[in-house]
Amino acid sequence: MSNDLQDFKSATTGVAAKTMRNELNRMVAEETDPAAKKILQAEMESFFLLFNRFLIERAKGEKLDWDKINPPNPKQVRAYKQLKDVDASILNKLAVLKLNGGLGTTMGCVGPKSIIEVREGMTFLDLSVRQIEHLNSEYNVNVPFILMNSFNTADDTARIIQKYQNHNINILTFNQSRYPRVDKESLLPCPKHASDDKANWYPPGHGDIFDALTNCGLLDQLIESGKEYIFISNVDNLGAVVDLNILQTMIDSQAEYVMEVTDKTKADIKGGTIIDYEGKPRLLEVAQVPKDHLDEFCSTRKFKIFNTNNIWVNLRAIKRIMDEDALSLEIIVNNKVTDSGQAVIQLETAIGAAIKHFDSAIGINVPRSRFLPVKSCSDLLLIKSKLYNLEHGVLTMDKSREFGGTPVVKLGDHFKKVANFEKRFKSIPYISELDHLTVSGDVWFGKGVRLAGTCIIVANEGSKIMIPDNANLEGKLITGNLSIIDH
C-alpha cells in the first residue's frame, strides 16, 4: 500500500473514531439514572474499543497468513477419555452457564428460544434446569446455573425462571452488552439516545461474555464463592451436559481453556475449527478464510474437526486477562439491512476466538452426542422422536439405533414454524431405521407412521399428500397428489 493511501486511510480512521467517541459520550451524558449510566458507560467504552479496532484493521487490511495455518497437533487437541474414579466433589468448583440471548423467530416463535417446547412438554430451559437439579442431588454438590440473556430475552426470562424458585438450584442471570448498530455509510451510531428503539441496538455475539461477566460483577462473585471453572454452551445444544471426564481432564492438564470439538461431517463443513498458528491453538472461522482456500477449509481432509461451542474456562484466568486488558477477539462484521432499508453493520465476537489468550488451552475431541443443536424444525423432529430417550433432562440415543449417527432430515417451508410442524404430525414417526428424509410441499403425517431407509416425499405445488395412520414407508419416493398409499 502506498504511503499516500495509508496516510489518507489513517486520517479517515481518526476522524471516524473521534466522531463516534463524541456521539457515545453524548449518549452517556444524557443518562440521568446513576445505575443505568454506569452500565451504559461500561458498554459504550467496550463498544468503542471494538469499533476503533475495526477501523484500524479495515485500514490496514490485516489477515491471517494462510501459509502459517496448520491442523492442530495431538497436544493441542486431545481424544476424549472415559476416566475412572473421578471425584465428584470437583463439581463444587464448577458453575454452568447457558447462552440465552437468542429469540425463537426463525422457528416462528415469540420470545426467548429457550422457552420452545422440545420434548414431553418441556422447554430447552426446563431440560437444563432438570439436569443441574439432578447433578446437585445425585452428588450432593452446589453447581449454580447461570443464564446470559440479551436485552431481547431478559424480561421474559426473568418471569419464566420464577417457576423454579422451590427447586434445588441456584439460578443467576445477567445481560450481555447492548451495542449500537452503526450506519454503514456514515459510520455513526444508529441510536441517538440510550432509550431509542430496540431495533437500533444489538447483542454483540457470545464473545462479549468476558466483558459482560466482568462489568456486572458476577465474575468476582463466582470467584469469591469458591468457583474455579465455568462450563459455557448454547441453550439450544441439548447434548451439552456437564461431563466429569472433561472437567477432570481440564484440572489434570492445568488447561485454562477447553474447547469441545467433534468430527466434521458434510453438515458441518462451515463450522469453525481449531488450527495451529505459529505454535498456538487458534479458532479459524469460515469468514476468515480467503475465497481461493474455501474448498480446502470445507473438506475433511485437512480440517477434520469443528467447534461445538461447548467451552470450559478457568475463572481466575478470565479475571487475569480482563484485568490486564489483554482480550482482543477477531471481529465479525455482520452486515444487515433494517426494515426501513438502511444498511447497517454489527460488530460481533465469538467466545471460541478467546482460545489464543489462555495458557495451556486445548481442544478435546468429544463424541458427537455432545453436539445436539436444535436450529430448525428438522432438528426438532429428531429430538421429539423415540430415537432419543430422556432421563433427568438428558437425551441419549436409543440402543435400537443399530448404526451410528443421526438420520439426515430436511423438512420444507411448510414445516418451518413450530406451530405448523406440530399440526402436520398426528404423532412423531418411528425413525430408528431412517437414513434420510426429505419432505417438500403440503404433506401431512398420520399416527404411528414408520420411516426407514431413504424416504423422499414431495407434494407438487397446489397438491397435497396425506400419509395415513400406521403407514410403513421404507425406501420410498412419493410425489404428486396422494391421500392413500399402500402400507
Protein backbone atom coordinates (compact mmCIF):
# COMPACT_ATOMS: atom_id res chain seq x y z
CA MET A 1 0.00 0.00 0.00
CA SER A 2 1.41 3.43 -0.94
CA ASN A 3 2.29 5.87 1.85
CA ASP A 4 -0.20 8.47 0.49
CA LEU A 5 -3.07 5.98 0.58
CA GLN A 6 -2.02 4.75 4.04
CA ASP A 7 -1.95 8.34 5.33
CA PHE A 8 -5.39 9.01 3.85
CA LYS A 9 -6.86 5.87 5.45
CA SER A 10 -5.27 6.69 8.81
CA ALA A 11 -6.69 10.24 8.72
CA THR A 12 -10.15 8.95 7.79
CA THR A 13 -9.96 6.37 10.58
CA GLY A 14 -9.01 9.09 13.08
CA VAL A 15 -11.97 11.29 12.11
CA ALA A 16 -14.45 8.40 12.27
CA ALA A 17 -13.13 7.34 15.69
CA LYS A 18 -13.32 10.86 17.10
CA THR A 19 -16.87 11.39 15.78
CA MET A 20 -18.02 8.06 17.24
CA ARG A 21 -16.39 8.87 20.59
CA ASN A 22 -18.26 12.19 20.77
CA GLU A 23 -21.60 10.55 19.95
CA LEU A 24 -21.13 7.84 22.59
CA ASN A 25 -20.05 10.39 25.22
CA ARG A 26 -23.14 12.47 24.49
CA MET A 27 -25.43 9.45 24.93
CA VAL A 28 -23.82 8.56 28.27
CA ALA A 29 -24.02 12.19 29.48
CA GLU A 30 -27.77 12.28 28.76
CA GLU A 31 -28.49 9.30 31.04
CA THR A 32 -29.82 10.55 34.41
CA ASP A 33 -30.22 7.27 36.33
CA PRO A 34 -26.85 6.58 38.11
CA ALA A 35 -27.06 2.77 37.91
CA ALA A 36 -28.11 2.80 34.25
CA LYS A 37 -25.43 5.37 33.49
CA LYS A 38 -22.70 3.17 34.99
CA ILE A 39 -23.76 0.19 32.84
CA LEU A 40 -24.12 2.33 29.72
CA GLN A 41 -20.70 3.89 30.24
CA ALA A 42 -19.01 0.47 30.56
CA GLU A 43 -20.81 -0.86 27.50
CA MET A 44 -20.03 2.17 25.35
CA GLU A 45 -16.37 2.02 26.39
CA SER A 46 -16.17 -1.65 25.33
CA PHE A 47 -18.02 -0.89 22.12
CA PHE A 48 -15.71 1.99 21.26
CA LEU A 49 -12.61 -0.20 21.70
CA LEU A 50 -14.18 -2.76 19.32
CA PHE A 51 -15.18 -0.06 16.82
CA ASN A 52 -11.72 1.51 16.89
CA ARG A 53 -10.09 -1.88 16.26
CA PHE A 54 -12.50 -2.40 13.36
CA LEU A 55 -11.43 0.91 11.81
CA ILE A 56 -7.71 0.17 12.24
CA GLU A 57 -7.97 -3.38 10.86
CA ARG A 58 -10.04 -2.15 7.93
CA ALA A 59 -7.42 0.47 7.09
CA LYS A 60 -4.51 -1.97 7.37
CA GLY A 61 -6.30 -4.90 5.73
CA GLU A 62 -4.61 -7.39 8.09
CA LYS A 63 -5.48 -11.06 7.65
CA LEU A 64 -4.22 -14.44 8.82
CA ASP A 65 -1.29 -15.74 6.79
CA TRP A 66 -2.70 -18.91 5.19
CA ASP A 67 0.76 -20.46 4.87
CA LYS A 68 1.10 -20.41 8.68
CA ILE A 69 -2.20 -22.27 9.22
CA ASN A 70 -1.83 -25.96 10.08
CA PRO A 71 -4.08 -28.65 11.57
CA PRO A 72 -3.70 -28.87 15.37
CA ASN A 73 -1.17 -31.27 16.83
CA PRO A 74 -2.10 -34.08 19.29
CA LYS A 75 -1.17 -31.95 22.31
CA GLN A 76 -3.48 -29.14 21.17
CA VAL A 77 -6.50 -31.38 20.50
CA ARG A 78 -6.80 -34.46 22.71
CA ALA A 79 -9.02 -37.50 22.45
CA TYR A 80 -11.97 -37.75 24.83
CA LYS A 81 -11.27 -40.21 27.63
CA GLN A 82 -13.69 -42.04 29.89
CA LEU A 83 -11.84 -41.63 33.19
CA LYS A 84 -12.09 -43.97 36.15
CA ASP A 85 -12.73 -42.94 39.74
CA VAL A 86 -13.40 -39.23 39.19
CA ASP A 87 -14.12 -37.49 42.49
CA ALA A 88 -17.48 -35.80 42.02
CA SER A 89 -16.65 -33.19 44.68
CA ILE A 90 -14.81 -31.25 41.94
CA LEU A 91 -18.30 -30.20 40.82
CA ASN A 92 -18.34 -27.78 43.77
CA LYS A 93 -15.73 -25.77 41.86
CA LEU A 94 -17.96 -25.51 38.78
CA ALA A 95 -20.60 -23.09 37.52
CA VAL A 96 -22.72 -23.80 34.43
CA LEU A 97 -23.71 -21.03 32.03
CA LYS A 98 -26.11 -21.16 29.09
CA LEU A 99 -26.03 -18.56 26.32
CA ASN A 100 -29.65 -17.41 26.30
CA GLY A 101 -29.62 -14.31 24.11
CA GLY A 102 -31.44 -15.67 21.06
CA LEU A 103 -35.08 -15.36 20.07
CA GLY A 104 -37.21 -18.14 18.58
CA THR A 105 -38.12 -16.11 15.50
CA THR A 106 -36.51 -18.47 12.96
CA MET A 107 -38.81 -21.24 14.23
CA GLY A 108 -41.84 -18.96 14.23
CA CYS A 109 -41.96 -18.40 18.00
CA VAL A 110 -42.24 -15.24 20.08
CA GLY A 111 -39.83 -14.63 22.97
CA PRO A 112 -36.61 -16.42 24.01
CA LYS A 113 -35.74 -19.53 22.03
CA SER A 114 -35.12 -21.33 25.33
CA ILE A 115 -38.89 -21.47 26.03
CA ILE A 116 -39.75 -23.51 22.91
CA GLU A 117 -41.16 -26.90 23.94
CA VAL A 118 -38.83 -29.61 22.67
CA ARG A 119 -39.77 -32.82 24.46
CA GLU A 120 -42.69 -34.07 26.59
CA GLY A 121 -43.95 -30.54 27.24
CA MET A 122 -40.54 -29.38 28.46
CA THR A 123 -38.56 -26.45 27.07
CA PHE A 124 -34.82 -26.07 26.49
CA LEU A 125 -34.72 -24.24 29.81
CA ASP A 126 -36.68 -26.93 31.67
CA LEU A 127 -34.27 -29.62 30.45
CA SER A 128 -31.21 -27.59 31.52
CA VAL A 129 -32.67 -26.88 34.97
CA ARG A 130 -33.58 -30.54 35.45
CA GLN A 131 -30.01 -31.60 34.54
CA ILE A 132 -28.42 -29.28 37.12
CA GLU A 133 -31.01 -30.18 39.77
CA HIS A 134 -30.25 -33.87 39.32
CA LEU A 135 -26.50 -33.20 39.39
CA ASN A 136 -26.78 -31.32 42.69
CA SER A 137 -28.99 -34.01 44.26
CA GLU A 138 -27.06 -37.00 42.92
CA TYR A 139 -23.64 -35.80 44.07
CA ASN A 140 -24.65 -33.53 46.97
CA VAL A 141 -22.95 -30.51 45.38
CA ASN A 142 -23.93 -26.93 44.65
CA VAL A 143 -23.50 -26.10 40.96
CA PRO A 144 -25.07 -22.71 40.18
CA PHE A 145 -26.95 -22.31 36.90
CA ILE A 146 -26.34 -19.04 35.05
CA LEU A 147 -28.15 -17.53 32.09
CA MET A 148 -26.53 -14.87 29.93
CA ASN A 149 -29.52 -13.04 28.46
CA SER A 150 -29.69 -10.30 25.87
CA PHE A 151 -31.88 -7.21 26.15
CA ASN A 152 -34.26 -9.14 23.84
CA THR A 153 -34.70 -12.07 26.25
CA ALA A 154 -34.07 -10.62 29.74
CA ASP A 155 -37.63 -9.62 30.75
CA ASP A 156 -39.31 -12.82 29.53
CA THR A 157 -36.62 -14.98 31.12
CA ALA A 158 -36.95 -13.18 34.49
CA ARG A 159 -40.67 -14.05 34.54
CA ILE A 160 -40.17 -17.65 33.42
CA ILE A 161 -37.50 -18.62 35.95
CA GLN A 162 -39.80 -17.71 38.85
CA LYS A 163 -41.36 -21.17 38.45
CA TYR A 164 -38.07 -22.75 39.58
CA GLN A 165 -38.00 -20.94 42.95
CA ASN A 166 -38.67 -24.08 45.00
CA HIS A 167 -36.22 -26.24 43.06
CA ASN A 168 -32.82 -27.46 44.26
CA ILE A 169 -30.96 -24.97 42.09
CA ASN A 170 -29.39 -21.53 42.37
CA ILE A 171 -30.25 -19.58 39.18
CA LEU A 172 -28.29 -16.42 38.40
CA THR A 173 -28.84 -14.13 35.41
CA PHE A 174 -27.04 -11.24 33.78
CA ASN A 175 -27.28 -9.43 30.48
CA GLN A 176 -24.74 -9.37 27.71
CA SER A 177 -23.85 -5.92 26.46
CA ARG A 178 -26.09 -3.75 24.31
CA TYR A 179 -24.19 -2.13 21.45
CA PRO A 180 -25.40 0.45 18.93
CA ARG A 181 -25.82 -0.56 15.31
CA VAL A 182 -23.63 1.52 13.00
CA ASP A 183 -24.78 3.16 9.77
CA LYS A 184 -22.64 1.63 7.02
CA GLU A 185 -22.17 4.87 5.08
CA SER A 186 -21.67 7.48 7.81
CA LEU A 187 -20.10 5.13 10.42
CA LEU A 188 -22.26 6.88 13.04
CA PRO A 189 -24.34 5.07 15.67
CA CYS A 190 -27.95 4.46 14.61
CA PRO A 191 -29.44 5.33 18.03
CA LYS A 192 -29.36 8.99 19.01
CA HIS A 193 -30.28 8.31 22.64
CA ALA A 194 -29.85 5.38 25.04
CA SER A 195 -33.63 4.96 25.15
CA ASP A 196 -34.01 4.68 21.36
CA ASP A 197 -35.91 1.81 19.74
CA LYS A 198 -34.54 -1.73 20.32
CA ALA A 199 -34.07 -2.09 16.56
CA ASN A 200 -31.16 0.37 16.73
CA TRP A 201 -29.25 -1.84 19.18
CA TYR A 202 -27.90 -5.39 19.08
CA PRO A 203 -26.30 -8.02 21.36
CA PRO A 204 -22.68 -8.35 20.13
CA GLY A 205 -22.22 -12.13 19.99
CA HIS A 206 -21.17 -14.59 22.70
CA GLY A 207 -17.57 -13.34 22.71
CA ASP A 208 -18.99 -10.49 24.78
CA ILE A 209 -19.36 -12.86 27.73
CA PHE A 210 -15.97 -11.84 29.19
CA ASP A 211 -16.82 -8.13 29.24
CA ALA A 212 -20.38 -8.73 30.44
CA LEU A 213 -19.38 -11.13 33.26
CA THR A 214 -16.78 -8.63 34.45
CA ASN A 215 -18.90 -5.47 34.15
CA CYS A 216 -21.87 -6.90 36.09
CA GLY A 217 -19.66 -8.11 38.97
CA LEU A 218 -20.65 -11.77 38.59
CA LEU A 219 -17.09 -12.89 37.75
CA ASP A 220 -15.81 -11.61 41.10
CA GLN A 221 -18.87 -13.02 42.87
CA LEU A 222 -18.26 -16.53 41.50
CA ILE A 223 -14.56 -16.48 42.40
CA GLU A 224 -15.31 -15.23 45.93
CA SER A 225 -17.82 -18.07 46.40
CA GLY A 226 -15.13 -20.66 45.62
CA LYS A 227 -15.94 -21.40 41.99
CA GLU A 228 -12.91 -22.05 39.77
CA TYR A 229 -14.34 -23.23 36.45
CA ILE A 230 -17.27 -22.33 34.23
CA PHE A 231 -18.88 -24.53 31.56
CA ILE A 232 -20.47 -22.45 28.80
CA SER A 233 -22.73 -23.70 25.99
CA ASN A 234 -25.61 -22.67 23.76
CA VAL A 235 -29.01 -23.15 25.39
CA ASP A 236 -30.27 -24.96 22.26
CA ASN A 237 -27.50 -27.60 22.29
CA LEU A 238 -29.21 -30.45 24.09
CA GLY A 239 -26.03 -32.53 24.10
CA ALA A 240 -24.09 -30.02 26.20
CA VAL A 241 -24.41 -31.65 29.61
CA VAL A 242 -21.88 -31.48 32.46
CA ASP A 243 -19.20 -34.14 31.98
CA LEU A 244 -16.93 -35.09 34.88
CA ASN A 245 -14.37 -36.63 32.50
CA ILE A 246 -13.83 -33.30 30.71
CA LEU A 247 -13.66 -31.31 33.94
CA GLN A 248 -11.10 -33.73 35.44
CA THR A 249 -9.04 -33.66 32.22
CA MET A 250 -9.04 -29.86 32.40
CA ILE A 251 -7.85 -29.91 36.01
CA ASP A 252 -5.19 -32.59 35.41
CA SER A 253 -3.75 -30.80 32.36
CA GLN A 254 -3.93 -27.38 34.06
CA ALA A 255 -5.66 -26.05 30.95
CA GLU A 256 -7.17 -22.59 31.44
CA TYR A 257 -9.49 -23.06 28.46
CA VAL A 258 -11.02 -26.18 26.87
CA MET A 259 -12.95 -26.16 23.61
CA GLU A 260 -15.02 -29.23 22.80
CA VAL A 261 -14.65 -30.20 19.16
CA THR A 262 -16.10 -33.14 17.27
CA ASP A 263 -15.55 -34.85 13.94
CA LYS A 264 -16.77 -32.94 10.92
CA THR A 265 -19.49 -34.32 8.66
CA LYS A 266 -20.87 -32.87 5.42
CA ALA A 267 -23.40 -30.95 7.53
CA ASP A 268 -20.66 -29.13 9.46
CA ILE A 269 -18.27 -28.04 6.71
CA LYS A 270 -18.59 -24.34 7.55
CA GLY A 271 -18.11 -24.73 11.30
CA GLY A 272 -15.11 -23.02 12.91
CA THR A 273 -12.12 -25.24 13.67
CA ILE A 274 -9.03 -25.25 15.90
CA ILE A 275 -5.82 -24.63 14.00
CA ASP A 276 -2.16 -24.44 14.91
CA TYR A 277 -0.96 -20.91 14.18
CA GLU A 278 2.67 -20.23 14.95
CA GLY A 279 2.65 -22.93 17.61
CA LYS A 280 -0.51 -21.82 19.41
CA PRO A 281 -4.10 -23.10 19.09
CA ARG A 282 -6.49 -20.63 17.50
CA LEU A 283 -10.01 -20.70 16.15
CA LEU A 284 -10.39 -20.35 12.38
CA GLU A 285 -13.86 -19.28 11.23
CA VAL A 286 -15.12 -19.56 7.65
CA ALA A 287 -15.34 -15.74 7.42
CA GLN A 288 -11.54 -15.54 7.86
CA VAL A 289 -10.80 -17.95 5.01
CA PRO A 290 -9.66 -16.47 1.67
CA LYS A 291 -12.02 -17.41 -1.18
CA ASP A 292 -9.38 -19.44 -3.01
CA HIS A 293 -8.93 -21.65 0.09
CA LEU A 294 -12.64 -22.23 0.89
CA ASP A 295 -12.72 -25.71 -0.64
CA GLU A 296 -9.70 -26.70 1.43
CA PHE A 297 -11.35 -25.38 4.59
CA CYS A 298 -14.67 -27.13 3.91
CA SER A 299 -13.16 -30.52 3.09
CA THR A 300 -12.48 -33.04 5.85
CA ARG A 301 -9.00 -33.89 4.60
CA LYS A 302 -7.08 -31.08 6.31
CA PHE A 303 -9.60 -29.79 8.85
CA LYS A 304 -11.29 -32.83 10.38
CA ILE A 305 -12.99 -31.27 13.41
CA PHE A 306 -15.22 -28.31 14.25
CA ASN A 307 -16.06 -26.24 17.32
CA THR A 308 -19.24 -27.30 19.16
CA ASN A 309 -19.22 -24.06 21.20
CA ASN A 310 -19.10 -26.08 24.41
CA ILE A 311 -16.40 -24.15 26.29
CA TRP A 312 -14.80 -24.70 29.71
CA VAL A 313 -12.82 -21.79 31.19
CA ASN A 314 -10.83 -21.11 34.36
CA LEU A 315 -12.50 -18.17 36.13
CA ARG A 316 -9.28 -16.76 37.61
CA ALA A 317 -7.71 -16.82 34.15
CA ILE A 318 -10.62 -14.75 32.83
CA LYS A 319 -10.07 -12.33 35.71
CA ARG A 320 -6.34 -12.04 34.93
CA ILE A 321 -6.88 -11.42 31.21
CA MET A 322 -9.61 -8.83 31.84
CA ASP A 323 -7.52 -7.04 34.49
CA GLU A 324 -4.62 -6.88 32.03
CA ASP A 325 -7.00 -5.59 29.33
CA ALA A 326 -5.47 -8.25 27.08
CA LEU A 327 -8.58 -9.62 25.34
CA SER A 328 -8.58 -8.97 21.59
CA LEU A 329 -11.05 -11.21 19.76
CA GLU A 330 -11.36 -11.34 15.98
CA ILE A 331 -14.13 -9.02 14.81
CA ILE A 332 -17.09 -10.49 12.92
CA VAL A 333 -18.66 -7.81 10.72
CA ASN A 334 -22.34 -8.65 10.37
CA ASN A 335 -23.97 -6.66 7.57
CA LYS A 336 -27.71 -6.06 7.98
CA VAL A 337 -30.46 -4.09 6.28
CA THR A 338 -33.13 -2.61 8.56
CA ASP A 339 -36.87 -2.71 7.85
CA SER A 340 -36.57 0.86 6.57
CA GLY A 341 -33.86 -0.17 4.09
CA GLN A 342 -30.90 1.32 5.97
CA ALA A 343 -27.60 -0.57 5.55
CA VAL A 344 -26.04 -1.11 8.97
CA ILE A 345 -23.18 -3.10 10.46
CA GLN A 346 -22.98 -5.03 13.71
CA LEU A 347 -19.54 -5.71 15.16
CA GLU A 348 -19.57 -9.05 16.94
CA THR A 349 -17.14 -11.51 18.53
CA ALA A 350 -17.17 -15.25 19.25
CA ILE A 351 -16.22 -16.94 22.51
CA GLY A 352 -14.15 -19.54 20.65
CA ALA A 353 -11.75 -16.87 19.42
CA ALA A 354 -10.58 -16.38 23.03
CA ILE A 355 -8.67 -19.67 22.97
CA LYS A 356 -5.47 -17.86 21.88
CA HIS A 357 -5.40 -15.78 25.09
CA PHE A 358 -5.35 -18.61 27.63
CA ASP A 359 -2.39 -20.65 28.87
CA SER A 360 -2.29 -24.38 28.07
CA ALA A 361 -5.55 -24.10 26.10
CA ILE A 362 -6.64 -27.37 24.50
CA GLY A 363 -9.39 -28.88 22.42
CA ILE A 364 -10.99 -32.20 23.36
CA ASN A 365 -12.44 -34.29 20.54
CA VAL A 366 -15.73 -35.36 22.10
CA PRO A 367 -18.38 -37.85 20.94
CA ARG A 368 -20.95 -36.47 18.50
CA SER A 369 -23.61 -36.99 21.18
CA ARG A 370 -22.37 -33.81 22.89
CA PHE A 371 -23.41 -31.73 19.88
CA LEU A 372 -27.18 -31.88 19.53
CA PRO A 373 -28.33 -28.41 18.50
CA VAL A 374 -31.92 -27.58 17.60
CA LYS A 375 -31.76 -24.83 14.99
CA SER A 376 -34.84 -25.81 12.97
CA CYS A 377 -37.95 -27.98 12.99
CA SER A 378 -35.96 -30.63 11.09
CA ASP A 379 -33.76 -30.91 14.22
CA LEU A 380 -36.88 -30.84 16.40
CA LEU A 381 -38.27 -33.94 14.66
CA LEU A 382 -35.19 -35.91 15.71
CA ILE A 383 -35.38 -34.72 19.32
CA LYS A 384 -39.11 -35.45 19.67
CA SER A 385 -38.76 -38.94 18.18
CA LYS A 386 -38.09 -42.19 20.03
CA LEU A 387 -34.58 -42.04 18.60
CA TYR A 388 -33.70 -40.39 21.94
CA ASN A 389 -34.52 -41.40 25.49
CA LEU A 390 -34.96 -38.70 28.12
CA GLU A 391 -33.88 -39.08 31.75
CA HIS A 392 -33.18 -36.28 34.27
CA GLY A 393 -33.22 -33.76 31.43
CA VAL A 394 -30.52 -35.64 29.47
CA LEU A 395 -31.17 -37.04 25.98
CA THR A 396 -29.36 -40.23 24.95
CA MET A 397 -29.68 -42.11 21.67
CA ASP A 398 -31.78 -45.28 21.91
CA LYS A 399 -29.89 -48.57 21.63
CA SER A 400 -32.31 -49.69 18.90
CA ARG A 401 -30.40 -47.39 16.57
CA GLU A 402 -28.02 -50.12 15.47
CA PHE A 403 -25.69 -47.93 13.42
CA GLY A 404 -24.01 -44.69 14.43
CA GLY A 405 -25.07 -41.16 13.64
CA THR A 406 -28.39 -39.41 13.32
CA PRO A 407 -30.60 -39.54 10.21
CA VAL A 408 -30.47 -36.58 7.82
CA VAL A 409 -33.84 -34.79 7.95
CA LYS A 410 -34.82 -31.96 5.61
CA LEU A 411 -38.31 -30.57 6.10
CA GLY A 412 -39.60 -27.93 3.67
CA ASP A 413 -41.07 -24.48 4.27
CA HIS A 414 -44.50 -25.83 5.27
CA PHE A 415 -42.79 -27.21 8.42
CA LYS A 416 -40.60 -24.18 9.15
CA LYS A 417 -42.64 -22.80 12.06
CA VAL A 418 -43.20 -24.86 15.20
CA ALA A 419 -46.99 -24.38 15.11
CA ASN A 420 -47.21 -25.70 11.52
CA PHE A 421 -44.77 -28.52 12.29
CA GLU A 422 -46.93 -29.73 15.18
CA LYS A 423 -50.16 -29.59 13.13
CA ARG A 424 -48.70 -31.71 10.34
CA PHE A 425 -47.76 -34.68 12.54
CA LYS A 426 -50.56 -36.55 14.34
CA SER A 427 -47.68 -38.24 16.11
CA ILE A 428 -43.92 -38.20 15.56
CA PRO A 429 -42.96 -41.02 13.14
CA TYR A 430 -40.87 -44.01 14.20
CA ILE A 431 -37.45 -43.26 12.65
CA SER A 432 -34.97 -45.62 14.31
CA GLU A 433 -34.18 -47.22 10.92
CA LEU A 434 -34.24 -43.98 8.92
CA ASP A 435 -31.19 -42.81 6.94
CA HIS A 436 -32.54 -39.80 5.09
CA LEU A 437 -35.86 -37.95 4.94
CA THR A 438 -36.73 -35.09 2.60
CA VAL A 439 -40.23 -33.60 2.74
CA SER A 440 -41.36 -30.77 0.48
CA GLY A 441 -44.75 -29.16 -0.09
CA ASP A 442 -48.13 -29.71 1.56
CA VAL A 443 -47.53 -33.03 3.36
CA TRP A 444 -49.40 -34.39 6.41
CA PHE A 445 -48.48 -37.40 8.57
CA GLY A 446 -50.92 -39.68 10.37
CA LYS A 447 -50.34 -41.54 13.64
CA GLY A 448 -47.86 -44.37 14.02
CA VAL A 449 -46.02 -43.85 10.73
CA ARG A 450 -42.75 -45.77 10.27
CA LEU A 451 -39.99 -44.29 8.10
CA ALA A 452 -36.91 -46.34 7.14
CA GLY A 453 -34.03 -46.12 4.70
CA THR A 454 -34.26 -43.11 2.38
CA CYS A 455 -37.71 -41.52 2.04
CA ILE A 456 -38.44 -38.58 -0.24
CA ILE A 457 -41.94 -37.09 -0.15
CA VAL A 458 -42.68 -34.20 -2.48
CA ALA A 459 -46.13 -32.68 -2.92
CA ASN A 460 -46.35 -30.71 -6.17
CA GLU A 461 -47.50 -27.10 -6.00
CA GLY A 462 -51.25 -26.99 -5.41
CA SER A 463 -51.26 -30.67 -4.39
CA LYS A 464 -51.45 -32.41 -1.01
CA ILE A 465 -50.04 -35.69 0.26
CA MET A 466 -51.64 -37.36 3.27
CA ILE A 467 -49.63 -40.18 4.83
CA PRO A 468 -52.26 -42.35 6.58
CA ASP A 469 -52.11 -43.77 10.11
CA ASN A 470 -49.71 -46.68 10.59
CA ALA A 471 -48.16 -46.27 7.12
CA ASN A 472 -44.93 -48.19 6.66
CA LEU A 473 -42.53 -46.36 4.33
CA GLU A 474 -39.14 -47.86 3.56
CA GLY A 475 -37.02 -46.55 0.70
CA LYS A 476 -39.99 -44.70 -0.82
CA LEU A 477 -40.14 -41.84 -3.29
CA ILE A 478 -43.61 -40.24 -3.23
CA THR A 479 -44.57 -37.32 -5.44
CA GLY A 480 -47.73 -35.73 -6.79
CA ASN A 481 -51.10 -35.60 -5.05
CA LEU A 482 -51.88 -38.63 -2.89
CA SER A 483 -54.20 -39.30 0.01
CA ILE A 484 -53.85 -43.09 0.25
CA ILE A 485 -50.80 -45.27 -0.29
CA ASP A 486 -50.08 -48.98 0.16
CA HIS A 487 -48.89 -49.86 3.59
